[in-house]
Every structure is written in structure tokens, then in C-alpha cells.
N, C-alpha and C. Protein backbone atom coordinates (compact mmCIF):
# COMPACT_ATOMS: atom_id res chain seq x y z
N UNK A 1 101.03 120.01 128.95
CA UNK A 1 100.95 118.76 127.83
C UNK A 1 102.31 118.69 127.19
N UNK A 2 103.58 117.67 127.62
CA UNK A 2 104.70 117.90 127.15
C UNK A 2 104.69 117.70 125.38
N UNK A 3 105.58 118.61 125.17
CA UNK A 3 106.12 118.45 123.79
C UNK A 3 106.66 117.32 122.83
N UNK A 4 106.04 116.76 121.82
CA UNK A 4 106.49 115.16 121.37
C UNK A 4 107.91 115.14 120.47
N UNK A 5 108.04 114.37 119.59
CA UNK A 5 108.70 114.70 119.16
C UNK A 5 108.63 114.14 117.50
N UNK A 6 107.35 113.89 117.55
CA UNK A 6 107.04 113.79 116.06
C UNK A 6 105.64 114.35 115.95
N UNK A 7 105.22 114.89 114.60
CA UNK A 7 103.71 115.44 114.48
C UNK A 7 103.20 114.60 113.73
N UNK A 8 102.15 115.12 113.24
CA UNK A 8 101.28 114.64 112.16
C UNK A 8 101.75 114.98 110.85
N UNK A 9 102.59 113.69 109.99
CA UNK A 9 102.73 114.23 108.71
C UNK A 9 104.22 113.95 108.38
N UNK A 10 104.65 113.71 109.15
CA UNK A 10 105.59 113.20 109.69
C UNK A 10 106.29 111.77 109.17
N UNK A 11 107.35 111.23 108.62
CA UNK A 11 107.72 109.96 107.77
C UNK A 11 108.60 109.53 109.47
N UNK A 12 108.82 108.22 109.76
CA UNK A 12 108.81 107.36 110.44
C UNK A 12 109.58 106.34 110.81
N UNK A 13 110.12 106.04 111.18
CA UNK A 13 110.77 104.48 111.17
C UNK A 13 110.37 103.66 112.70
N UNK A 14 109.79 102.45 112.59
CA UNK A 14 109.69 101.70 113.82
C UNK A 14 110.92 101.03 114.37
N UNK A 15 111.41 101.48 115.12
CA UNK A 15 112.63 101.03 116.36
C UNK A 15 112.61 99.66 117.19
N UNK A 16 111.38 99.34 117.58
CA UNK A 16 110.98 98.37 118.04
C UNK A 16 109.96 97.54 117.65
N UNK A 17 109.61 96.32 118.52
CA UNK A 17 108.07 95.61 118.56
C UNK A 17 108.07 94.92 117.24
N UNK A 18 106.41 93.97 116.77
CA UNK A 18 106.92 93.28 115.77
C UNK A 18 107.10 93.85 114.43
N UNK A 19 106.38 95.22 114.37
CA UNK A 19 106.92 95.53 112.98
C UNK A 19 108.55 96.89 113.31
N UNK A 20 109.49 96.32 114.00
CA UNK A 20 110.63 96.86 113.65
C UNK A 20 111.25 96.94 112.05
N UNK A 21 111.51 97.91 111.89
CA UNK A 21 111.87 98.23 110.77
C UNK A 21 111.33 98.97 109.66
N UNK A 22 109.90 98.66 109.40
CA UNK A 22 108.94 99.61 108.83
C UNK A 22 108.76 100.71 109.04
N UNK A 23 108.34 101.49 107.80
CA UNK A 23 108.67 103.11 107.71
C UNK A 23 107.21 103.05 107.10
N UNK A 24 107.05 104.25 107.86
CA UNK A 24 105.58 104.88 106.94
C UNK A 24 105.23 106.29 107.45
N UNK A 25 103.91 107.10 107.24
CA UNK A 25 103.68 108.73 107.42
C UNK A 25 102.77 108.12 109.06
N UNK A 26 102.57 109.77 109.63
CA UNK A 26 102.04 109.71 110.71
C UNK A 26 100.51 109.89 110.34
N UNK A 27 99.27 109.28 110.77
CA UNK A 27 98.73 110.10 110.47
C UNK A 27 97.73 110.92 111.23
N UNK A 28 98.02 110.61 112.70
CA UNK A 28 97.52 110.55 113.77
C UNK A 28 98.15 110.44 114.93
N UNK A 29 98.01 111.75 115.59
CA UNK A 29 98.87 111.65 117.17
C UNK A 29 98.21 111.87 118.16
N UNK A 30 98.33 111.48 119.77
CA UNK A 30 97.27 111.11 120.89
C UNK A 30 98.20 111.90 121.79
N UNK A 31 98.41 113.16 121.61
CA UNK A 31 99.57 113.54 123.05
C UNK A 31 98.89 113.15 124.24
N UNK A 32 98.08 113.36 124.95
CA UNK A 32 97.99 112.51 126.13
C UNK A 32 98.28 111.17 126.45
N UNK A 33 98.03 110.18 125.34
CA UNK A 33 98.44 108.63 125.22
C UNK A 33 100.06 108.50 124.81
N UNK A 34 100.74 109.41 124.38
CA UNK A 34 101.82 109.32 124.12
C UNK A 34 101.44 107.82 122.69
N UNK A 35 100.62 107.99 122.03
CA UNK A 35 100.68 107.39 121.12
C UNK A 35 100.44 108.20 119.85
N UNK A 36 100.50 107.13 118.53
CA UNK A 36 100.20 108.09 117.61
C UNK A 36 99.96 106.48 116.38
N UNK A 37 99.10 107.02 115.69
CA UNK A 37 98.81 105.74 114.12
C UNK A 37 100.05 106.37 113.15
N UNK A 38 100.74 105.04 112.66
CA UNK A 38 101.61 105.06 111.57
C UNK A 38 100.81 103.88 110.53
N UNK A 39 101.18 104.58 109.20
CA UNK A 39 100.26 104.53 108.40
C UNK A 39 101.00 103.01 107.39
N UNK A 40 100.32 102.11 107.89
CA UNK A 40 100.43 100.08 107.00
C UNK A 40 101.43 99.82 108.45
N UNK A 41 101.83 100.08 109.92
CA UNK A 41 102.38 99.96 110.73
C UNK A 41 101.11 99.65 112.25
N UNK A 42 101.41 98.23 112.73
CA UNK A 42 100.65 98.22 114.18
C UNK A 42 99.17 97.06 113.83
N UNK A 43 99.34 96.94 111.97
CA UNK A 43 97.40 96.27 111.27
C UNK A 43 97.02 95.26 112.88
N UNK A 44 95.44 96.47 112.76
CA UNK A 44 94.49 94.57 113.06
C UNK A 44 93.64 94.44 112.92
N UNK A 45 92.91 93.38 113.06
CA UNK A 45 91.96 92.61 112.42
C UNK A 45 90.83 93.44 113.64
N UNK A 46 89.94 94.25 112.80
CA UNK A 46 88.32 94.48 113.71
C UNK A 46 87.05 93.95 112.91
N UNK A 47 86.10 93.14 113.57
CA UNK A 47 85.00 92.35 112.95
C UNK A 47 84.46 93.73 113.01
N UNK A 48 83.27 94.02 112.35
CA UNK A 48 82.38 94.41 112.08
C UNK A 48 80.82 93.80 112.00
N UNK A 49 80.09 94.45 112.12
CA UNK A 49 78.39 93.77 111.99
C UNK A 49 78.18 95.10 110.72
N UNK A 50 77.09 94.48 110.50
CA UNK A 50 76.63 95.00 108.54
C UNK A 50 76.31 96.40 109.54
N UNK A 51 76.36 97.59 109.10
CA UNK A 51 75.47 99.01 108.66
C UNK A 51 75.44 99.73 107.53
N UNK A 52 74.65 100.92 107.88
CA UNK A 52 74.74 101.62 106.40
C UNK A 52 76.26 101.80 105.62
N UNK A 53 77.21 102.10 106.46
CA UNK A 53 78.77 102.39 105.85
C UNK A 53 79.15 100.74 104.62
N UNK A 54 78.83 99.83 105.61
CA UNK A 54 79.48 98.86 105.55
C UNK A 54 78.48 97.52 105.30
N UNK A 55 77.37 97.95 103.98
CA UNK A 55 76.31 96.52 104.34
C UNK A 55 76.63 94.95 104.41
N UNK A 56 77.63 94.19 103.94
CA UNK A 56 78.06 93.10 104.23
C UNK A 56 78.96 93.12 105.77
N UNK A 57 79.53 94.49 105.80
CA UNK A 57 80.08 93.90 107.69
C UNK A 57 81.21 93.06 107.53
N UNK A 58 81.81 92.19 108.44
CA UNK A 58 82.92 91.30 108.40
C UNK A 58 84.40 91.80 108.89
N UNK A 59 85.74 91.72 108.49
CA UNK A 59 86.50 91.78 109.23
C UNK A 59 87.11 92.60 108.41
N UNK A 60 87.96 94.00 109.17
CA UNK A 60 88.53 94.93 108.39
C UNK A 60 89.48 95.18 108.46
N UNK A 61 91.27 95.43 108.06
CA UNK A 61 92.34 95.64 108.96
C UNK A 61 92.17 97.18 108.57
N UNK A 62 93.40 97.25 109.82
CA UNK A 62 93.50 98.88 110.15
C UNK A 62 94.03 98.84 111.09
N UNK A 63 95.20 100.38 110.87
CA UNK A 63 96.25 100.28 112.02
C UNK A 63 95.41 100.72 113.55
N UNK A 64 96.62 100.78 114.25
CA UNK A 64 96.37 100.69 115.59
C UNK A 64 97.30 101.13 116.44
N UNK A 65 96.84 102.61 117.04
CA UNK A 65 97.94 103.13 117.62
C UNK A 65 99.48 102.39 118.35
N UNK A 66 100.34 103.22 118.12
CA UNK A 66 101.58 102.42 118.34
C UNK A 66 102.80 103.88 119.38
N UNK A 67 102.79 102.89 120.83
CA UNK A 67 103.43 104.61 121.15
C UNK A 67 105.00 104.84 120.85
N UNK A 68 104.82 106.27 121.25
CA UNK A 68 105.77 107.23 120.04
C UNK A 68 107.15 107.03 120.65
N UNK A 69 107.51 106.10 121.67
CA UNK A 69 108.96 105.83 122.58
C UNK A 69 109.57 104.68 121.14
N UNK A 70 108.40 103.96 120.64
CA UNK A 70 109.15 102.99 119.34
C UNK A 70 109.11 103.46 117.83
N UNK A 71 109.35 104.68 117.69
CA UNK A 71 109.31 105.64 116.74
C UNK A 71 110.37 106.57 116.52
N UNK A 72 111.13 106.36 115.74
CA UNK A 72 111.98 107.61 115.22
C UNK A 72 111.47 108.57 113.98
N UNK A 73 112.46 109.39 113.83
CA UNK A 73 112.08 110.41 112.60
C UNK A 73 113.12 109.70 111.84
N UNK A 74 112.45 110.03 110.57
CA UNK A 74 113.71 109.31 108.78
C UNK A 74 114.03 110.23 108.62
N UNK A 75 115.86 110.97 108.88
CA UNK A 75 116.62 111.90 108.63
C UNK A 75 116.12 111.84 107.06
N UNK A 76 116.25 113.78 106.59
CA UNK A 76 115.49 113.60 105.62
C UNK A 76 116.70 113.52 105.15
N UNK A 77 118.18 113.80 105.15
CA UNK A 77 118.97 113.86 104.14
C UNK A 77 120.15 112.31 104.15
N UNK A 78 120.24 111.36 105.19
CA UNK A 78 120.32 110.35 105.25
C UNK A 78 119.79 108.78 104.52
N UNK A 79 118.27 109.64 105.28
CA UNK A 79 117.50 108.44 105.25
C UNK A 79 116.84 107.24 106.86
N UNK A 80 118.18 107.75 107.58
CA UNK A 80 118.27 106.79 108.64
C UNK A 80 117.32 107.34 109.53
N UNK A 81 117.62 106.42 110.81
CA UNK A 81 116.76 107.25 112.26
C UNK A 81 116.80 107.70 112.92
N UNK A 82 116.69 109.35 113.27
CA UNK A 82 117.35 110.40 113.69
C UNK A 82 116.79 110.79 114.84
N UNK A 83 117.26 111.06 116.08
CA UNK A 83 116.65 111.71 116.82
C UNK A 83 116.36 112.83 116.74
N UNK A 84 115.40 113.82 117.63
CA UNK A 84 114.90 115.00 117.14
C UNK A 84 115.49 116.30 118.26
N UNK A 85 116.18 117.00 118.02
CA UNK A 85 116.53 118.02 119.12
C UNK A 85 115.71 119.94 118.61
N UNK A 86 115.38 120.57 119.62
CA UNK A 86 115.31 122.03 119.19
C UNK A 86 115.97 123.11 119.60
N UNK A 87 115.91 123.57 118.22
CA UNK A 87 116.62 124.90 118.37
C UNK A 87 116.41 126.47 117.87
N UNK A 88 116.47 127.34 118.57
CA UNK A 88 115.58 128.55 117.43
C UNK A 88 116.76 129.24 116.58
N UNK A 89 115.26 129.34 115.67
CA UNK A 89 115.68 129.30 114.31
C UNK A 89 115.84 130.67 113.70
N UNK A 90 116.39 131.21 112.20
CA UNK A 90 116.30 132.35 111.97
C UNK A 90 115.56 133.63 111.61
N UNK A 91 114.16 132.37 112.55
CA UNK A 91 112.35 133.60 112.59
C UNK A 91 112.60 134.17 113.65
N UNK A 92 113.40 133.33 114.42
CA UNK A 92 112.93 133.48 116.30
C UNK A 92 112.20 132.21 116.70
N UNK A 93 111.98 131.92 116.08
CA UNK A 93 110.93 130.66 116.49
C UNK A 93 111.76 128.97 116.61
N UNK A 94 111.15 128.27 117.24
CA UNK A 94 111.59 127.46 118.11
C UNK A 94 111.54 125.76 116.28
N UNK A 95 112.91 125.28 115.97
CA UNK A 95 112.68 124.50 115.00
C UNK A 95 113.22 123.06 115.47
N UNK A 96 112.32 122.43 114.37
CA UNK A 96 113.19 120.76 114.91
C UNK A 96 114.22 120.90 113.94
N UNK A 97 115.16 120.10 114.17
CA UNK A 97 116.88 119.73 114.01
C UNK A 97 117.19 118.28 114.10
N UNK A 98 117.56 117.91 113.09
CA UNK A 98 117.96 116.05 112.95
C UNK A 98 119.24 116.37 113.42
N UNK A 99 118.83 115.65 114.62
CA UNK A 99 120.87 115.39 115.51
C UNK A 99 121.72 114.51 114.62
N UNK A 100 121.21 113.65 113.46
CA UNK A 100 122.45 113.09 113.33
C UNK A 100 123.20 113.62 112.27
N UNK A 101 121.95 114.33 111.05
CA UNK A 101 122.69 115.35 110.26
C UNK A 101 123.02 116.96 110.37
N UNK A 102 121.92 116.94 111.48
CA UNK A 102 121.96 118.29 111.77
C UNK A 102 121.19 119.82 111.00
N UNK A 103 120.69 118.63 109.65
CA UNK A 103 119.51 119.26 108.72
C UNK A 103 118.50 119.78 109.93
N UNK A 104 117.65 120.78 109.74
CA UNK A 104 116.26 121.25 109.78
C UNK A 104 115.19 120.42 108.89
N UNK A 105 113.88 120.42 110.56
CA UNK A 105 113.34 119.84 109.64
C UNK A 105 112.34 120.27 109.37
N UNK A 106 111.29 120.06 108.54
CA UNK A 106 109.86 120.90 108.09
C UNK A 106 108.48 120.99 108.46
């Protein structure tokens, strides 16, 4: 499976679609589907029947997966959207870095 440029816990900026310009934290990543769930982005209304968890039922607002091609990582230095590169770090492992500022991403 191909490595993705975003991981769970990253702060990302949406660069396309109806939520363009919004930013949020990545809650979950689906590598096989090339999609991710971002906090507060791509909200949908889900109609639910009453059950033990939600005895009232009704309409719930929740995040839907968004394609990762529509997401860019937020640069830790400048705060703007950036592309990601990979290089060998000091400890011999691959680390991600910002193409804009050259800063290493944790």
C-alpha cells in the first residue's frame, strides 16, 4: 500500500471543494480508499432511529470522509498549506518535512 502524505493527528487545510479554506485535525485515515475524516469538515446530516445510545433518535451532524488529494498539511512555520517531502533524518529513519519552509514535521 502506498504511503500517504497525511497522518492521524495532523492539522490540514482543505484546498478544494465546498469546504475550501477550512482547517482541522485529522481524526482518521483510510489508506485503501485514499480518504480521511477531518474535524469539522465535510459535515453531513445522518438520520438515526431511536436506539439505546440515542433514545430520541433524529438528525445527527457528523464528518464524512474527504479525499486526501483535497487536503494539504499546514506548515508548522508559516501556517500556510504546504506539500510534504521525505528524507532520512539524523537517526537514520525517514522523516517528513515541509517543502515550503524545509522544517521537519513531527
